[in-house]
Amino acid sequence: MPYGGSIEIGENCSINSFCHINGNGGLKIGNNVRIATNCTLIPANHIFSDPNIPITFQGETREGITIEDDVWLGAGVKVLDGVVIGRGSVIGAGSVVNKSIPPFSIAVGIPAKVIKKRK
């Protein structure tokens, strides 16, 4: 569901079972993207900076998520608000992507870190 934002999906993509995909702040998925089972993509985040105000009343950020062409997200990957995953990248299973990933990178872990380049 877009939940007030938008979701754009390119050509020849696959999104496998049990994925949770929102469009709050805008979600763009390029062409030839592979998204494995149990992935979560939510382009929004709660603001929680003021401990004197309940989190539910502090609003959200909505920067958006962009997944460029020819990306593969392994099973269980979580992609957080404000992230761009560069073209041709591979994100290892179970990783949490909280910062943008350069093109043609292989990134793994919590938080996801680039361990190698494909080129």
PDB file of N, CA and C in Angstrom:
ATOM      1  N   MET A   1       0.822  -1.188   0.000  1.00  0.00           N
ATOM      2  CA  MET A   1       0.000   0.000   0.000  1.00  0.00           C
ATOM      3  C   MET A   1       0.866   1.251   0.000  1.00  0.00           C
ATOM      4  N   PRO A   2       0.441   2.292  -0.692  1.00  0.00           N
ATOM      5  CA  PRO A   2       1.231   3.502  -0.697  1.00  0.00           C
ATOM      6  C   PRO A   2       1.125   4.333   0.585  1.00  0.00           C
ATOM      7  N   TYR A   3       0.041   4.228   1.355  1.00  0.00           N
ATOM      8  CA  TYR A   3      -0.159   5.013   2.579  1.00  0.00           C
ATOM      9  C   TYR A   3       0.173   6.480   2.375  1.00  0.00           C
ATOM     10  N   GLY A   4      -0.422   7.094   1.366  1.00  0.00           N
ATOM     11  CA  GLY A   4      -0.236   8.511   1.126  1.00  0.00           C
ATOM     12  C   GLY A   4       0.946   8.857   0.251  1.00  0.00           C
ATOM     13  N   GLY A   5       1.741   7.890  -0.141  1.00  0.00           N
ATOM     14  CA  GLY A   5       2.881   8.127  -1.020  1.00  0.00           C
ATOM     15  C   GLY A   5       2.644   7.467  -2.358  1.00  0.00           C
ATOM     16  N   SER A   6       3.712   6.886  -2.906  1.00  0.00           N
ATOM     17  CA  SER A   6       3.591   6.224  -4.199  1.00  0.00           C
ATOM     18  C   SER A   6       4.558   5.049  -4.282  1.00  0.00           C
ATOM     19  N   ILE A   7       4.207   4.093  -5.129  1.00  0.00           N
ATOM     20  CA  ILE A   7       5.061   2.950  -5.414  1.00  0.00           C
ATOM     21  C   ILE A   7       5.187   2.833  -6.923  1.00  0.00           C
ATOM     22  N   GLU A   8       6.425   2.855  -7.419  1.00  0.00           N
ATOM     23  CA  GLU A   8       6.697   2.666  -8.841  1.00  0.00           C
ATOM     24  C   GLU A   8       7.555   1.411  -8.980  1.00  0.00           C
ATOM     25  N   ILE A   9       7.126   0.497  -9.851  1.00  0.00           N
ATOM     26  CA  ILE A   9       7.856  -0.750 -10.073  1.00  0.00           C
ATOM     27  C   ILE A   9       8.170  -0.854 -11.556  1.00  0.00           C
ATOM     28  N   GLY A  10       9.457  -1.054 -11.877  1.00  0.00           N
ATOM     29  CA  GLY A  10       9.897  -1.145 -13.259  1.00  0.00           C
ATOM     30  C   GLY A  10       9.510  -2.464 -13.904  1.00  0.00           C
ATOM     31  N   GLU A  11      10.095  -2.712 -15.062  1.00  0.00           N
ATOM     32  CA  GLU A  11       9.799  -3.914 -15.844  1.00  0.00           C
ATOM     33  C   GLU A  11      10.639  -5.098 -15.378  1.00  0.00           C
ATOM     34  N   ASN A  12      10.059  -6.296 -15.561  1.00  0.00           N
ATOM     35  CA  ASN A  12      10.753  -7.562 -15.326  1.00  0.00           C
ATOM     36  C   ASN A  12      11.269  -7.696 -13.892  1.00  0.00           C
ATOM     37  N   CYS A  13      10.459  -7.314 -12.927  1.00  0.00           N
ATOM     38  CA  CYS A  13      10.817  -7.422 -11.511  1.00  0.00           C
ATOM     39  C   CYS A  13      10.132  -8.624 -10.894  1.00  0.00           C
ATOM     40  N   SER A  14      10.723  -9.142  -9.820  1.00  0.00           N
ATOM     41  CA  SER A  14      10.043 -10.186  -9.054  1.00  0.00           C
ATOM     42  C   SER A  14      10.055  -9.793  -7.585  1.00  0.00           C
ATOM     43  N   ILE A  15       8.886  -9.919  -6.967  1.00  0.00           N
ATOM     44  CA  ILE A  15       8.723  -9.672  -5.545  1.00  0.00           C
ATOM     45  C   ILE A  15       8.109 -10.935  -4.974  1.00  0.00           C
ATOM     46  N   ASN A  16       8.873 -11.641  -4.158  1.00  0.00           N
ATOM     47  CA  ASN A  16       8.442 -12.944  -3.668  1.00  0.00           C
ATOM     48  C   ASN A  16       7.517 -12.837  -2.457  1.00  0.00           C
ATOM     49  N   SER A  17       7.059 -13.966  -2.004  1.00  0.00           N
ATOM     50  CA  SER A  17       6.035 -14.037  -0.962  1.00  0.00           C
ATOM     51  C   SER A  17       6.488 -13.416   0.359  1.00  0.00           C
ATOM     52  N   PHE A  18       5.499 -12.964   1.103  1.00  0.00           N
ATOM     53  CA  PHE A  18       5.648 -12.446   2.462  1.00  0.00           C
ATOM     54  C   PHE A  18       6.479 -11.171   2.560  1.00  0.00           C
ATOM     55  N   CYS A  19       6.555 -10.396   1.487  1.00  0.00           N
ATOM     56  CA  CYS A  19       7.231  -9.099   1.532  1.00  0.00           C
ATOM     57  C   CYS A  19       6.252  -8.040   2.034  1.00  0.00           C
ATOM     58  N   HIS A  20       6.792  -7.042   2.727  1.00  0.00           N
ATOM     59  CA  HIS A  20       5.992  -5.908   3.190  1.00  0.00           C
ATOM     60  C   HIS A  20       6.553  -4.661   2.530  1.00  0.00           C
ATOM     61  N   ILE A  21       5.762  -4.064   1.652  1.00  0.00           N
ATOM     62  CA  ILE A  21       6.236  -2.935   0.853  1.00  0.00           C
ATOM     63  C   ILE A  21       5.246  -1.788   0.985  1.00  0.00           C
ATOM     64  N   ASN A  22       5.750  -0.635   1.464  1.00  0.00           N
ATOM     65  CA  ASN A  22       4.924   0.562   1.612  1.00  0.00           C
ATOM     66  C   ASN A  22       5.447   1.649   0.690  1.00  0.00           C
ATOM     67  N   GLY A  23       4.634   2.653   0.457  1.00  0.00           N
ATOM     68  CA  GLY A  23       5.035   3.767  -0.384  1.00  0.00           C
ATOM     69  C   GLY A  23       5.005   5.099   0.327  1.00  0.00           C
ATOM     70  N   ASN A  24       4.904   5.115   1.658  1.00  0.00           N
ATOM     71  CA  ASN A  24       4.726   6.341   2.436  1.00  0.00           C
ATOM     72  C   ASN A  24       5.452   7.553   1.853  1.00  0.00           C
ATOM     73  N   GLY A  25       6.768   7.501   1.806  1.00  0.00           N
ATOM     74  CA  GLY A  25       7.574   8.622   1.336  1.00  0.00           C
ATOM     75  C   GLY A  25       7.993   8.481  -0.112  1.00  0.00           C
ATOM     76  N   GLY A  26       7.453   7.492  -0.786  1.00  0.00           N
ATOM     77  CA  GLY A  26       7.793   7.227  -2.172  1.00  0.00           C
ATOM     78  C   GLY A  26       8.775   6.077  -2.296  1.00  0.00           C
ATOM     79  N   LEU A  27       8.399   5.079  -3.066  1.00  0.00           N
ATOM     80  CA  LEU A  27       9.236   3.911  -3.311  1.00  0.00           C
ATOM     81  C   LEU A  27       9.386   3.743  -4.809  1.00  0.00           C
ATOM     82  N   LYS A  28      10.643   3.719  -5.286  1.00  0.00           N
ATOM     83  CA  LYS A  28      10.919   3.514  -6.703  1.00  0.00           C
ATOM     84  C   LYS A  28      11.780   2.266  -6.849  1.00  0.00           C
ATOM     85  N   ILE A  29      11.276   1.313  -7.614  1.00  0.00           N
ATOM     86  CA  ILE A  29      11.990   0.071  -7.894  1.00  0.00           C
ATOM     87  C   ILE A  29      12.266   0.050  -9.388  1.00  0.00           C
ATOM     88  N   GLY A  30      13.538  -0.077  -9.757  1.00  0.00           N
ATOM     89  CA  GLY A  30      13.939  -0.038 -11.155  1.00  0.00           C
ATOM     90  C   GLY A  30      13.593  -1.316 -11.907  1.00  0.00           C
ATOM     91  N   ASN A  31      14.192  -1.483 -13.073  1.00  0.00           N
ATOM     92  CA  ASN A  31      13.976  -2.648 -13.928  1.00  0.00           C
ATOM     93  C   ASN A  31      14.859  -3.814 -13.486  1.00  0.00           C
ATOM     94  N   ASN A  32      14.371  -5.030 -13.725  1.00  0.00           N
ATOM     95  CA  ASN A  32      15.130  -6.257 -13.485  1.00  0.00           C
ATOM     96  C   ASN A  32      15.581  -6.416 -12.039  1.00  0.00           C
ATOM     97  N   VAL A  33      14.742  -5.988 -11.098  1.00  0.00           N
ATOM     98  CA  VAL A  33      15.046  -6.099  -9.671  1.00  0.00           C
ATOM     99  C   VAL A  33      14.468  -7.401  -9.135  1.00  0.00           C
ATOM    100  N   ARG A  34      15.240  -8.074  -8.305  1.00  0.00           N
ATOM    101  CA  ARG A  34      14.812  -9.316  -7.663  1.00  0.00           C
ATOM    102  C   ARG A  34      14.699  -9.059  -6.166  1.00  0.00           C
ATOM    103  N   ILE A  35      13.514  -9.282  -5.613  1.00  0.00           N
ATOM    104  CA  ILE A  35      13.281  -9.111  -4.185  1.00  0.00           C
ATOM    105  C   ILE A  35      12.836 -10.455  -3.634  1.00  0.00           C
ATOM    106  N   ALA A  36      13.678 -11.049  -2.793  1.00  0.00           N
ATOM    107  CA  ALA A  36      13.414 -12.384  -2.248  1.00  0.00           C
ATOM    108  C   ALA A  36      12.346 -12.329  -1.154  1.00  0.00           C
ATOM    109  N   THR A  37      11.971 -13.475  -0.665  1.00  0.00           N
ATOM    110  CA  THR A  37      10.927 -13.610   0.345  1.00  0.00           C
ATOM    111  C   THR A  37      11.245 -12.838   1.628  1.00  0.00           C
ATOM    112  N   ASN A  38      10.195 -12.394   2.299  1.00  0.00           N
ATOM    113  CA  ASN A  38      10.269 -11.762   3.619  1.00  0.00           C
ATOM    114  C   ASN A  38      11.033 -10.448   3.675  1.00  0.00           C
ATOM    115  N   CYS A  39      11.127  -9.726   2.583  1.00  0.00           N
ATOM    116  CA  CYS A  39      11.790  -8.417   2.605  1.00  0.00           C
ATOM    117  C   CYS A  39      10.810  -7.335   3.061  1.00  0.00           C
ATOM    118  N   THR A  40      11.356  -6.276   3.665  1.00  0.00           N
ATOM    119  CA  THR A  40      10.550  -5.151   4.141  1.00  0.00           C
ATOM    120  C   THR A  40      11.139  -3.860   3.602  1.00  0.00           C
ATOM    121  N   LEU A  41      10.305  -3.067   2.922  1.00  0.00           N
ATOM    122  CA  LEU A  41      10.724  -1.774   2.382  1.00  0.00           C
ATOM    123  C   LEU A  41       9.707  -0.748   2.858  1.00  0.00           C
ATOM    124  N   ILE A  42      10.131   0.141   3.760  1.00  0.00           N
ATOM    125  CA  ILE A  42       9.219   1.140   4.306  1.00  0.00           C
ATOM    126  C   ILE A  42       9.882   2.512   4.233  1.00  0.00           C
ATOM    127  N   PRO A  43       9.466   3.345   3.267  1.00  0.00           N
ATOM    128  CA  PRO A  43      10.072   4.658   3.101  1.00  0.00           C
ATOM    129  C   PRO A  43       9.481   5.710   4.045  1.00  0.00           C
ATOM    130  N   ALA A  44       9.579   5.452   5.323  1.00  0.00           N
ATOM    131  CA  ALA A  44       9.157   6.385   6.365  1.00  0.00           C
ATOM    132  C   ALA A  44       9.791   5.923   7.671  1.00  0.00           C
ATOM    133  N   ASN A  45       9.889   6.838   8.609  1.00  0.00           N
ATOM    134  CA  ASN A  45      10.456   6.481   9.905  1.00  0.00           C
ATOM    135  C   ASN A  45       9.851   7.389  10.962  1.00  0.00           C
ATOM    136  N   HIS A  46       9.653   6.872  12.164  1.00  0.00           N
ATOM    137  CA  HIS A  46       9.120   7.681  13.254  1.00  0.00           C
ATOM    138  C   HIS A  46      10.187   8.636  13.778  1.00  0.00           C
ATOM    139  N   ILE A  47       9.766   9.834  14.132  1.00  0.00           N
ATOM    140  CA  ILE A  47      10.626  10.783  14.832  1.00  0.00           C
ATOM    141  C   ILE A  47      10.463  10.502  16.321  1.00  0.00           C
ATOM    142  N   PHE A  48      11.586  10.451  17.039  1.00  0.00           N
ATOM    143  CA  PHE A  48      11.523  10.120  18.465  1.00  0.00           C
ATOM    144  C   PHE A  48      12.517  10.946  19.280  1.00  0.00           C
ATOM    145  N   SER A  49      12.864  12.137  18.795  1.00  0.00           N
ATOM    146  CA  SER A  49      13.923  12.944  19.400  1.00  0.00           C
ATOM    147  C   SER A  49      13.551  13.579  20.737  1.00  0.00           C
ATOM    148  N   ASP A  50      12.276  13.811  20.986  1.00  0.00           N
ATOM    149  CA  ASP A  50      11.866  14.469  22.233  1.00  0.00           C
ATOM    150  C   ASP A  50      11.280  13.445  23.193  1.00  0.00           C
ATOM    151  N   PRO A  51      12.022  13.088  24.262  1.00  0.00           N
ATOM    152  CA  PRO A  51      11.524  12.077  25.201  1.00  0.00           C
ATOM    153  C   PRO A  51      10.310  12.521  26.011  1.00  0.00           C
ATOM    154  N   ASN A  52       9.969  13.822  25.948  1.00  0.00           N
ATOM    155  CA  ASN A  52       8.824  14.334  26.696  1.00  0.00           C
ATOM    156  C   ASN A  52       7.518  14.265  25.918  1.00  0.00           C
ATOM    157  N   ILE A  53       7.602  13.895  24.645  1.00  0.00           N
ATOM    158  CA  ILE A  53       6.413  13.785  23.802  1.00  0.00           C
ATOM    159  C   ILE A  53       6.291  12.336  23.349  1.00  0.00           C
ATOM    160  N   PRO A  54       5.105  11.732  23.466  1.00  0.00           N
ATOM    161  CA  PRO A  54       4.949  10.360  22.976  1.00  0.00           C
ATOM    162  C   PRO A  54       5.361  10.259  21.497  1.00  0.00           C
ATOM    163  N   ILE A  55       6.051   9.201  21.160  1.00  0.00           N
ATOM    164  CA  ILE A  55       6.546   9.005  19.796  1.00  0.00           C
ATOM    165  C   ILE A  55       5.424   9.129  18.774  1.00  0.00           C
ATOM    166  N   THR A  56       4.263   8.635  19.100  1.00  0.00           N
ATOM    167  CA  THR A  56       3.140   8.669  18.158  1.00  0.00           C
ATOM    168  C   THR A  56       2.744  10.083  17.746  1.00  0.00           C
ATOM    169  N   PHE A  57       3.110  11.105  18.561  1.00  0.00           N
ATOM    170  CA  PHE A  57       2.761  12.496  18.265  1.00  0.00           C
ATOM    171  C   PHE A  57       3.912  13.296  17.654  1.00  0.00           C
ATOM    172  N   GLN A  58       5.052  12.665  17.407  1.00  0.00           N
ATOM    173  CA  GLN A  58       6.226  13.394  16.903  1.00  0.00           C
ATOM    174  C   GLN A  58       6.356  13.368  15.382  1.00  0.00           C
ATOM    175  N   GLY A  59       5.468  12.688  14.714  1.00  0.00           N
ATOM    176  CA  GLY A  59       5.497  12.679  13.253  1.00  0.00           C
ATOM    177  C   GLY A  59       6.460  11.657  12.667  1.00  0.00           C
ATOM    178  N   GLU A  60       6.703  11.810  11.370  1.00  0.00           N
ATOM    179  CA  GLU A  60       7.553  10.868  10.633  1.00  0.00           C
ATOM    180  C   GLU A  60       8.456  11.622   9.681  1.00  0.00           C
ATOM    181  N   THR A  61       9.560  10.981   9.308  1.00  0.00           N
ATOM    182  CA  THR A  61      10.320  11.414   8.146  1.00  0.00           C
ATOM    183  C   THR A  61       9.782  10.606   6.974  1.00  0.00           C
ATOM    184  N   ARG A  62       9.868  11.162   5.786  1.00  0.00           N
ATOM    185  CA  ARG A  62       9.416  10.476   4.570  1.00  0.00           C
ATOM    186  C   ARG A  62      10.330  10.877   3.427  1.00  0.00           C
ATOM    187  N   GLU A  63      11.545  10.345   3.443  1.00  0.00           N
ATOM    188  CA  GLU A  63      12.543  10.684   2.433  1.00  0.00           C
ATOM    189  C   GLU A  63      12.408   9.833   1.172  1.00  0.00           C
ATOM    190  N   GLY A  64      11.885   8.640   1.318  1.00  0.00           N
ATOM    191  CA  GLY A  64      11.727   7.739   0.184  1.00  0.00           C
ATOM    192  C   GLY A  64      12.853   6.731   0.061  1.00  0.00           C
ATOM    193  N   ILE A  65      12.604   5.712  -0.737  1.00  0.00           N
ATOM    194  CA  ILE A  65      13.577   4.653  -1.031  1.00  0.00           C
ATOM    195  C   ILE A  65      13.649   4.515  -2.544  1.00  0.00           C
ATOM    196  N   THR A  66      14.882   4.383  -3.065  1.00  0.00           N
ATOM    197  CA  THR A  66      15.084   4.100  -4.485  1.00  0.00           C
ATOM    198  C   THR A  66      15.945   2.855  -4.614  1.00  0.00           C
ATOM    199  N   ILE A  67      15.443   1.889  -5.369  1.00  0.00           N
ATOM    200  CA  ILE A  67      16.212   0.694  -5.701  1.00  0.00           C
ATOM    201  C   ILE A  67      16.434   0.757  -7.205  1.00  0.00           C
ATOM    202  N   GLU A  68      17.687   0.958  -7.601  1.00  0.00           N
ATOM    203  CA  GLU A  68      17.987   1.139  -9.012  1.00  0.00           C
ATOM    204  C   GLU A  68      17.943  -0.195  -9.763  1.00  0.00           C
ATOM    205  N   ASP A  69      18.162  -0.155 -11.072  1.00  0.00           N
ATOM    206  CA  ASP A  69      18.071  -1.340 -11.943  1.00  0.00           C
ATOM    207  C   ASP A  69      19.023  -2.462 -11.523  1.00  0.00           C
ATOM    208  N   ASP A  70      18.589  -3.704 -11.797  1.00  0.00           N
ATOM    209  CA  ASP A  70      19.418  -4.898 -11.665  1.00  0.00           C
ATOM    210  C   ASP A  70      19.961  -5.102 -10.255  1.00  0.00           C
ATOM    211  N   VAL A  71      19.100  -4.917  -9.251  1.00  0.00           N
ATOM    212  CA  VAL A  71      19.462  -5.138  -7.849  1.00  0.00           C
ATOM    213  C   VAL A  71      18.822  -6.432  -7.379  1.00  0.00           C
ATOM    214  N   TRP A  72      19.523  -7.143  -6.504  1.00  0.00           N
ATOM    215  CA  TRP A  72      18.982  -8.350  -5.894  1.00  0.00           C
ATOM    216  C   TRP A  72      19.004  -8.162  -4.388  1.00  0.00           C
ATOM    217  N   LEU A  73      17.816  -8.225  -3.770  1.00  0.00           N
ATOM    218  CA  LEU A  73      17.693  -8.206  -2.316  1.00  0.00           C
ATOM    219  C   LEU A  73      17.476  -9.640  -1.850  1.00  0.00           C
ATOM    220  N   GLY A  74      18.384 -10.162  -1.035  1.00  0.00           N
ATOM    221  CA  GLY A  74      18.257 -11.520  -0.519  1.00  0.00           C
ATOM    222  C   GLY A  74      17.116 -11.626   0.481  1.00  0.00           C
ATOM    223  N   ALA A  75      16.815 -12.840   0.875  1.00  0.00           N
ATOM    224  CA  ALA A  75      15.698 -13.106   1.789  1.00  0.00           C
ATOM    225  C   ALA A  75      15.839 -12.323   3.089  1.00  0.00           C
ATOM    226  N   GLY A  76      14.735 -11.727   3.504  1.00  0.00           N
ATOM    227  CA  GLY A  76      14.681 -11.063   4.799  1.00  0.00           C
ATOM    228  C   GLY A  76      15.372  -9.714   4.885  1.00  0.00           C
ATOM    229  N   VAL A  77      15.730  -9.103   3.772  1.00  0.00           N
ATOM    230  CA  VAL A  77      16.386  -7.794   3.796  1.00  0.00           C
ATOM    231  C   VAL A  77      15.387  -6.725   4.224  1.00  0.00           C
ATOM    232  N   LYS A  78      15.864  -5.780   5.036  1.00  0.00           N
ATOM    233  CA  LYS A  78      15.080  -4.626   5.455  1.00  0.00           C
ATOM    234  C   LYS A  78      15.747  -3.384   4.868  1.00  0.00           C
ATOM    235  N   VAL A  79      14.968  -2.532   4.188  1.00  0.00           N
ATOM    236  CA  VAL A  79      15.486  -1.287   3.617  1.00  0.00           C
ATOM    237  C   VAL A  79      14.744  -0.138   4.292  1.00  0.00           C
ATOM    238  N   LEU A  80      15.516   0.794   4.880  1.00  0.00           N
ATOM    239  CA  LEU A  80      14.939   1.871   5.664  1.00  0.00           C
ATOM    240  C   LEU A  80      14.840   3.175   4.872  1.00  0.00           C
ATOM    241  N   ASP A  81      14.098   4.106   5.418  1.00  0.00           N
ATOM    242  CA  ASP A  81      13.818   5.387   4.781  1.00  0.00           C
ATOM    243  C   ASP A  81      15.095   6.138   4.418  1.00  0.00           C
ATOM    244  N   GLY A  82      15.082   6.777   3.243  1.00  0.00           N
ATOM    245  CA  GLY A  82      16.183   7.613   2.806  1.00  0.00           C
ATOM    246  C   GLY A  82      17.282   6.889   2.051  1.00  0.00           C
ATOM    247  N   VAL A  83      17.129   5.590   1.812  1.00  0.00           N
ATOM    248  CA  VAL A  83      18.174   4.771   1.203  1.00  0.00           C
ATOM    249  C   VAL A  83      18.030   4.727  -0.322  1.00  0.00           C
ATOM    250  N   VAL A  84      19.180   4.776  -1.011  1.00  0.00           N
ATOM    251  CA  VAL A  84      19.270   4.479  -2.435  1.00  0.00           C
ATOM    252  C   VAL A  84      20.194   3.284  -2.571  1.00  0.00           C
ATOM    253  N   ILE A  85      19.707   2.229  -3.218  1.00  0.00           N
ATOM    254  CA  ILE A  85      20.553   1.070  -3.497  1.00  0.00           C
ATOM    255  C   ILE A  85      20.947   1.166  -4.961  1.00  0.00           C
ATOM    256  N   GLY A  86      22.251   1.326  -5.192  1.00  0.00           N
ATOM    257  CA  GLY A  86      22.770   1.577  -6.521  1.00  0.00           C
ATOM    258  C   GLY A  86      22.636   0.404  -7.468  1.00  0.00           C
ATOM    259  N   ARG A  87      22.595   0.738  -8.731  1.00  0.00           N
ATOM    260  CA  ARG A  87      22.438  -0.217  -9.833  1.00  0.00           C
ATOM    261  C   ARG A  87      23.406  -1.398  -9.695  1.00  0.00           C
ATOM    262  N   GLY A  88      22.886  -2.597  -9.966  1.00  0.00           N
ATOM    263  CA  GLY A  88      23.703  -3.793 -10.015  1.00  0.00           C
ATOM    264  C   GLY A  88      24.173  -4.308  -8.671  1.00  0.00           C
ATOM    265  N   SER A  89      23.621  -3.812  -7.586  1.00  0.00           N
ATOM    266  CA  SER A  89      24.059  -4.238  -6.263  1.00  0.00           C
ATOM    267  C   SER A  89      23.351  -5.500  -5.794  1.00  0.00           C
ATOM    268  N   VAL A  90      23.997  -6.196  -4.860  1.00  0.00           N
ATOM    269  CA  VAL A  90      23.447  -7.388  -4.226  1.00  0.00           C
ATOM    270  C   VAL A  90      23.476  -7.142  -2.724  1.00  0.00           C
ATOM    271  N   ILE A  91      22.323  -7.345  -2.078  1.00  0.00           N
ATOM    272  CA  ILE A  91      22.229  -7.183  -0.629  1.00  0.00           C
ATOM    273  C   ILE A  91      21.988  -8.562  -0.031  1.00  0.00           C
ATOM    274  N   GLY A  92      22.890  -8.995   0.839  1.00  0.00           N
ATOM    275  CA  GLY A  92      22.834 -10.337   1.413  1.00  0.00           C
ATOM    276  C   GLY A  92      21.646 -10.554   2.316  1.00  0.00           C
ATOM    277  N   ALA A  93      21.216 -11.800   2.385  1.00  0.00           N
ATOM    278  CA  ALA A  93      20.057 -12.190   3.182  1.00  0.00           C
ATOM    279  C   ALA A  93      20.176 -11.690   4.617  1.00  0.00           C
ATOM    280  N   GLY A  94      19.066 -11.182   5.145  1.00  0.00           N
ATOM    281  CA  GLY A  94      18.989 -10.755   6.533  1.00  0.00           C
ATOM    282  C   GLY A  94      19.595  -9.391   6.825  1.00  0.00           C
ATOM    283  N   SER A  95      20.118  -8.720   5.829  1.00  0.00           N
ATOM    284  CA  SER A  95      20.766  -7.423   6.043  1.00  0.00           C
ATOM    285  C   SER A  95      19.744  -6.326   6.321  1.00  0.00           C
ATOM    286  N   VAL A  96      20.183  -5.308   7.059  1.00  0.00           N
ATOM    287  CA  VAL A  96      19.381  -4.112   7.306  1.00  0.00           C
ATOM    288  C   VAL A  96      20.117  -2.941   6.663  1.00  0.00           C
ATOM    289  N   VAL A  97      19.510  -2.366   5.625  1.00  0.00           N
ATOM    290  CA  VAL A  97      20.139  -1.292   4.859  1.00  0.00           C
ATOM    291  C   VAL A  97      19.626   0.037   5.398  1.00  0.00           C
ATOM    292  N   ASN A  98      20.488   0.737   6.141  1.00  0.00           N
ATOM    293  CA  ASN A  98      20.091   2.019   6.727  1.00  0.00           C
ATOM    294  C   ASN A  98      20.836   3.197   6.110  1.00  0.00           C
ATOM    295  N   LYS A  99      21.768   2.914   5.176  1.00  0.00           N
ATOM    296  CA  LYS A  99      22.489   3.951   4.443  1.00  0.00           C
ATOM    297  C   LYS A  99      22.570   3.540   2.985  1.00  0.00           C
ATOM    298  N   SER A 100      22.711   4.520   2.111  1.00  0.00           N
ATOM    299  CA  SER A 100      22.753   4.234   0.676  1.00  0.00           C
ATOM    300  C   SER A 100      23.949   3.356   0.311  1.00  0.00           C
ATOM    301  N   ILE A 101      23.755   2.539  -0.728  1.00  0.00           N
ATOM    302  CA  ILE A 101      24.749   1.577  -1.198  1.00  0.00           C
ATOM    303  C   ILE A 101      25.163   1.999  -2.609  1.00  0.00           C
ATOM    304  N   PRO A 102      26.480   2.139  -2.867  1.00  0.00           N
ATOM    305  CA  PRO A 102      26.935   2.541  -4.207  1.00  0.00           C
ATOM    306  C   PRO A 102      26.638   1.468  -5.257  1.00  0.00           C
ATOM    307  N   PRO A 103      26.606   1.854  -6.526  1.00  0.00           N
ATOM    308  CA  PRO A 103      26.360   0.882  -7.598  1.00  0.00           C
ATOM    309  C   PRO A 103      27.373  -0.271  -7.584  1.00  0.00           C
ATOM    310  N   PHE A 104      26.898  -1.424  -8.007  1.00  0.00           N
ATOM    311  CA  PHE A 104      27.693  -2.639  -8.190  1.00  0.00           C
ATOM    312  C   PHE A 104      28.403  -3.091  -6.910  1.00  0.00           C
ATOM    313  N   SER A 105      27.728  -2.903  -5.779  1.00  0.00           N
ATOM    314  CA  SER A 105      28.275  -3.306  -4.490  1.00  0.00           C
ATOM    315  C   SER A 105      27.639  -4.597  -4.014  1.00  0.00           C
ATOM    316  N   ILE A 106      28.370  -5.319  -3.187  1.00  0.00           N
ATOM    317  CA  ILE A 106      27.820  -6.443  -2.445  1.00  0.00           C
ATOM    318  C   ILE A 106      27.870  -6.015  -0.987  1.00  0.00           C
ATOM    319  N   ALA A 107      26.698  -5.944  -0.343  1.00  0.00           N
ATOM    320  CA  ALA A 107      26.607  -5.463   1.031  1.00  0.00           C
ATOM    321  C   ALA A 107      25.892  -6.495   1.890  1.00  0.00           C
ATOM    322  N   VAL A 108      26.372  -6.656   3.116  1.00  0.00           N
ATOM    323  CA  VAL A 108      25.782  -7.621   4.044  1.00  0.00           C
ATOM    324  C   VAL A 108      25.830  -7.065   5.461  1.00  0.00           C
ATOM    325  N   GLY A 109      24.987  -7.603   6.317  1.00  0.00           N
ATOM    326  CA  GLY A 109      25.079  -7.334   7.747  1.00  0.00           C
ATOM    327  C   GLY A 109      24.032  -6.405   8.292  1.00  0.00           C
ATOM    328  N   ILE A 110      24.156  -6.192   9.615  1.00  0.00           N
ATOM    329  CA  ILE A 110      23.262  -5.316  10.367  1.00  0.00           C
ATOM    330  C   ILE A 110      24.144  -4.347  11.140  1.00  0.00           C
ATOM    331  N   PRO A 111      24.268  -3.126  10.683  1.00  0.00           N
ATOM    332  CA  PRO A 111      23.743  -2.572   9.444  1.00  0.00           C
ATOM    333  C   PRO A 111      24.536  -3.075   8.232  1.00  0.00           C
ATOM    334  N   ALA A 112      23.939  -2.988   7.068  1.00  0.00           N
ATOM    335  CA  ALA A 112      24.597  -3.466   5.844  1.00  0.00           C
ATOM    336  C   ALA A 112      25.850  -2.638   5.565  1.00  0.00           C
ATOM    337  N   LYS A 113      26.930  -3.345   5.247  1.00  0.00           N
ATOM    338  CA  LYS A 113      28.195  -2.707   4.870  1.00  0.00           C
ATOM    339  C   LYS A 113      28.686  -3.336   3.583  1.00  0.00           C
ATOM    340  N   VAL A 114      29.284  -2.520   2.720  1.00  0.00           N
ATOM    341  CA  VAL A 114      29.821  -3.014   1.470  1.00  0.00           C
ATOM    342  C   VAL A 114      31.064  -3.854   1.785  1.00  0.00           C
ATOM    343  N   ILE A 115      31.070  -5.104   1.302  1.00  0.00           N
ATOM    344  CA  ILE A 115      32.213  -5.984   1.530  1.00  0.00           C
ATOM    345  C   ILE A 115      33.021  -6.220   0.269  1.00  0.00           C
ATOM    346  N   LYS A 116      32.421  -5.856  -0.875  1.00  0.00           N
ATOM    347  CA  LYS A 116      33.055  -6.174  -2.143  1.00  0.00           C
ATOM    348  C   LYS A 116      32.333  -5.417  -3.262  1.00  0.00           C
ATOM    349  N   LYS A 117      33.006  -5.274  -4.395  1.00  0.00           N
ATOM    350  CA  LYS A 117      32.406  -4.677  -5.594  1.00  0.00           C
ATOM    351  C   LYS A 117      32.231  -5.762  -6.641  1.00  0.00           C
ATOM    352  N   ARG A 118      31.195  -5.638  -7.477  1.00  0.00           N
ATOM    353  CA  ARG A 118      30.969  -6.589  -8.557  1.00  0.00           C
ATOM    354  C   ARG A 118      31.819  -6.284  -9.775  1.00  0.00           C
ATOM    355  N   LYS A 119      32.327  -5.076  -9.900  1.00  0.00           N
ATOM    356  CA  LYS A 119      33.133  -4.685 -11.066  1.00  0.00           C
ATOM    357  C   LYS A 119      34.583  -4.590 -10.679  1.00  0.00           C
TER     358      LYS A 119
END
